[in-house]
Protein backbone atom coordinates (compact mmCIF):
# COMPACT_ATOMS: atom_id res chain seq x y z
CA MET A 1 -8.49 31.09 4.67
CA ILE A 2 -11.29 29.53 6.81
CA PHE A 3 -13.68 27.39 4.80
CA PRO A 4 -16.42 24.82 5.32
CA LEU A 5 -15.47 21.67 3.41
CA ASN A 6 -17.76 22.35 0.44
CA LYS A 7 -16.24 25.82 -0.19
CA ALA A 8 -12.56 25.01 0.41
CA PRO A 9 -9.96 25.05 -2.36
CA ALA A 10 -10.02 21.54 -3.85
CA ALA A 11 -6.69 19.74 -3.48
CA GLY A 12 -5.59 16.32 -2.27
CA GLU A 13 -7.68 14.79 0.50
CA VAL A 14 -9.88 17.89 0.72
CA ALA A 15 -10.92 17.39 -2.93
CA ASP A 16 -11.63 13.71 -2.25
CA LEU A 17 -13.78 14.52 0.79
CA GLN A 18 -15.66 17.10 -1.30
CA LYS A 19 -16.35 14.49 -4.02
CA LEU A 20 -17.65 12.04 -1.43
CA GLN A 21 -19.87 14.68 0.13
CA ALA A 22 -21.21 15.73 -3.29
CA ALA A 23 -21.95 12.05 -4.08
CA GLY A 24 -24.09 11.81 -0.94
CA LEU A 25 -21.71 9.92 1.35
CA PRO A 26 -21.83 11.09 4.96
CA VAL A 27 -18.75 13.20 5.78
CA VAL A 28 -18.07 14.66 9.23
CA ALA A 29 -18.41 18.43 9.62
CA THR A 30 -15.02 19.73 8.49
CA VAL A 31 -13.44 23.18 8.67
CA VAL A 32 -10.52 23.67 6.27
CA LEU A 33 -7.85 26.20 7.21
CA GLN A 34 -5.88 27.06 4.08
CA GLY A 35 -3.24 29.77 4.37
CA LEU A 36 -3.87 30.45 8.05
CA GLU A 37 -0.58 28.83 9.06
CA THR A 38 1.27 30.97 6.50
CA GLU A 39 -0.39 34.12 7.82
CA PHE A 40 0.51 33.09 11.37
CA TYR A 41 4.19 32.70 10.37
CA GLN A 42 4.23 36.05 8.56
CA LEU A 43 2.59 38.09 11.32
CA ALA A 44 4.85 36.62 14.02
CA ASN A 45 7.98 36.99 11.83
CA LEU A 46 8.61 33.30 12.45
CA ALA A 47 10.39 32.52 9.17
CA GLU A 48 13.28 34.87 9.96
CA GLN A 49 13.51 33.82 13.61
CA ILE A 50 13.54 30.13 12.66
CA ARG A 51 16.07 30.70 9.87
CA ASN A 52 18.35 32.37 12.44
CA ALA A 53 17.87 29.43 14.84
CA PHE A 54 19.06 27.02 12.12
CA ALA A 55 22.13 29.07 11.09
CA GLY A 56 25.12 26.74 10.90
CA VAL A 57 23.13 23.52 11.33
CA PHE A 58 23.41 22.32 7.72
CA GLY A 59 27.02 22.92 6.72
CA ALA A 60 29.57 20.58 5.20
CA ARG A 61 28.20 18.09 7.69
CA LEU A 62 25.16 18.08 9.92
CA ASP A 63 25.72 19.48 13.41
CA GLU A 64 23.37 17.23 15.40
CA GLU A 65 23.58 19.18 18.66
CA ARG A 66 22.75 22.45 16.90
CA LEU A 67 19.96 20.69 14.99
CA GLU A 68 18.31 19.51 18.21
CA ALA A 69 18.64 22.94 19.80
CA ALA A 70 17.31 24.70 16.67
CA CYS A 71 14.33 22.33 16.43
CA ALA A 72 13.45 22.87 20.08
CA GLN A 73 13.70 26.64 19.62
CA ALA A 74 11.56 26.57 16.46
CA GLU A 75 8.87 24.49 18.19
CA ARG A 76 8.89 26.87 21.13
CA LEU A 77 8.65 29.94 18.84
CA VAL A 78 5.58 28.51 17.09
CA ARG A 79 3.85 27.42 20.30
CA GLU A 80 4.51 30.74 22.06
CA SER A 81 3.50 33.04 19.18
CA TYR A 82 0.01 34.50 19.11
CA LEU A 83 -2.66 33.83 16.55
CA LEU A 84 -4.42 37.13 15.81
CA PRO A 85 -7.27 37.39 18.36
CA GLU A 86 -9.82 38.25 15.65
CA ARG A 87 -8.62 35.29 13.53
CA ALA A 88 -8.80 32.94 16.52
CA GLU A 89 -12.35 34.13 17.24
CA GLU A 90 -13.30 33.69 13.56
CA VAL A 91 -12.04 30.09 13.66
CA ARG A 92 -13.81 29.33 16.95
CA ARG A 93 -17.12 30.66 15.59
CA VAL A 94 -17.15 28.21 12.67
CA LEU A 95 -15.96 25.09 14.49
CA PRO A 96 -18.49 22.33 15.10
CA GLU A 97 -19.62 21.61 18.66
CA GLY A 98 -18.23 18.70 20.67
CA ARG A 99 -15.02 16.73 20.27
CA LEU A 100 -12.77 17.94 17.48
CA LEU A 101 -10.12 16.14 15.47
CA VAL A 102 -7.16 18.34 14.47
CA ARG A 103 -4.83 17.26 11.67
CA TYR A 104 -3.21 18.11 8.38
CA ALA A 105 -5.04 17.06 5.20
CA GLY A 106 -3.64 13.75 4.00
CA GLU A 107 -2.11 12.91 7.37
CA ALA A 108 -3.07 10.88 10.41
CA PRO A 109 -4.91 12.57 13.28
CA PHE A 110 -2.75 14.76 15.47
CA ALA A 111 -5.07 15.60 18.37
CA LEU A 112 -8.59 14.95 19.59
CA GLU A 113 -9.84 17.87 21.65
CA PRO A 114 -13.02 18.32 23.74
CA SER A 115 -13.80 21.92 22.65
CA SER A 116 -13.01 24.72 20.23
CA GLN A 117 -10.59 26.47 22.60
CA GLU A 118 -8.52 23.32 23.03
CA ALA A 119 -8.67 22.78 19.25
CA LEU A 120 -7.08 26.22 18.73
CA TRP A 121 -4.24 25.29 21.07
CA ALA A 122 -3.89 21.97 19.25
CA LEU A 123 -3.56 23.83 15.93
CA LYS A 124 -0.46 25.60 17.20
CA ARG A 125 0.94 22.29 18.49
CA LEU A 126 0.19 20.77 15.06
CA TRP A 127 2.07 23.57 13.32
CA ALA A 128 4.94 23.28 15.81
CA SER A 129 5.20 19.54 15.08
CA ARG A 130 6.71 20.41 11.68
CA TRP A 131 9.85 21.41 13.60
CA GLN A 132 10.51 18.08 15.31
CA VAL A 133 13.93 16.69 14.41
CA ASP A 134 12.62 13.86 12.23
CA SER A 135 10.33 16.21 10.29
CA VAL A 136 13.13 18.68 9.65
CA LEU A 137 15.49 15.91 8.50
CA GLU A 138 12.85 14.57 6.08
CA ARG A 139 12.73 17.86 4.20
CA ALA A 140 16.38 18.94 4.65
CA PRO A 141 18.03 20.98 3.30
CA THR A 142 14.72 22.77 2.66
CA LEU A 143 13.78 24.41 5.93
CA ALA A 144 10.23 25.64 5.33
CA PRO A 145 7.49 23.08 5.93
CA PRO A 146 5.15 22.28 3.02
CA GLU A 147 1.93 24.27 2.64
CA VAL A 148 -0.82 21.84 3.67
CA ALA A 149 -4.38 22.62 4.72
CA SER A 150 -5.13 22.15 8.42
CA LEU A 151 -8.42 20.36 9.14
CA VAL A 152 -10.62 20.58 12.22
CA GLN A 153 -13.33 17.94 12.12
CA ALA A 154 -16.27 16.89 14.30
CA ALA A 155 -15.51 13.59 16.00
CA GLY A 156 -18.65 12.34 17.70
CA GLY A 157 -17.29 8.83 18.16
CA ASP A 158 -14.02 6.98 17.90
CA LEU A 159 -12.15 7.12 14.60
CA LEU A 160 -12.27 3.59 13.22
CA PRO A 161 -11.65 1.92 9.84
CA ASP A 162 -14.94 1.42 7.98
CA GLU A 163 -14.85 -1.17 5.17
CA ALA A 164 -18.38 -0.46 3.91
CA LEU A 165 -17.69 3.26 3.55
CA ALA A 166 -14.29 2.45 2.00
CA GLN A 167 -15.99 0.41 -0.74
CA ARG A 168 -18.48 3.18 -1.47
CA ALA A 169 -15.75 5.84 -1.41
CA SER A 170 -13.53 3.76 -3.71
CA ALA A 171 -16.40 3.50 -6.22
CA VAL A 172 -16.97 7.28 -6.14
CA LEU A 173 -13.27 8.16 -6.42
CA GLY A 174 -12.42 5.47 -8.97
CA ARG A 175 -9.53 4.08 -6.93
CA GLY A 176 -9.06 1.99 -3.82
CA VAL A 177 -9.04 3.99 -0.57
CA GLN A 178 -9.14 3.27 3.12
CA VAL A 179 -11.70 5.17 5.18
CA TRP A 180 -11.69 6.02 8.85
CA ALA A 181 -15.08 7.02 10.13
CA SER A 182 -16.51 8.68 13.22
CA SER A 183 -20.13 7.85 14.11
CA GLY A 184 -20.68 6.35 10.64
CA GLN A 185 -19.35 9.40 8.77
CA VAL A 186 -16.19 9.65 6.67
CA ALA A 187 -13.45 11.55 8.52
CA ARG A 188 -10.20 10.50 6.86
CA LEU A 189 -9.04 8.85 3.62
CA ALA A 190 -5.78 7.17 2.70
């Protein structure tokens, strides 16, 4: 559920970051949250509440007004639901110090936060972002968002493309990749 990068289930970008780290490339301190979003949805009974909010939206034709209202309600439900206090404390204990980058694995950064408490709030905003109209339409008629690991990463400096690290990472991974780095360490691949 809450893993340091080297112990996280290997999939997608997480697996690539693990390979780079194992090969000796500098990778920012990364906490991988796998399954935490699912647990959050289950404990807050969000799936049923969101399903009810979307009742009648996808019929013979799309009801755009109902879609917008349902999306707004779903985002609000996620933002206003509570993460278990003991789970929130467990996450805060393992987060690196300083500025933190919050995002989904394989996706662009969502938020850059100054501390662990703000990073926890950003996680809920990240999860709520799956209910924006464009996101819902991309996966329609499937309502549930895909299961993707959430990442919280140390971000000492700005996140910038790094060609030298990209060349080294491409050699390790055996394919061309772009690398964004923070303070000379790999933070994101694409």
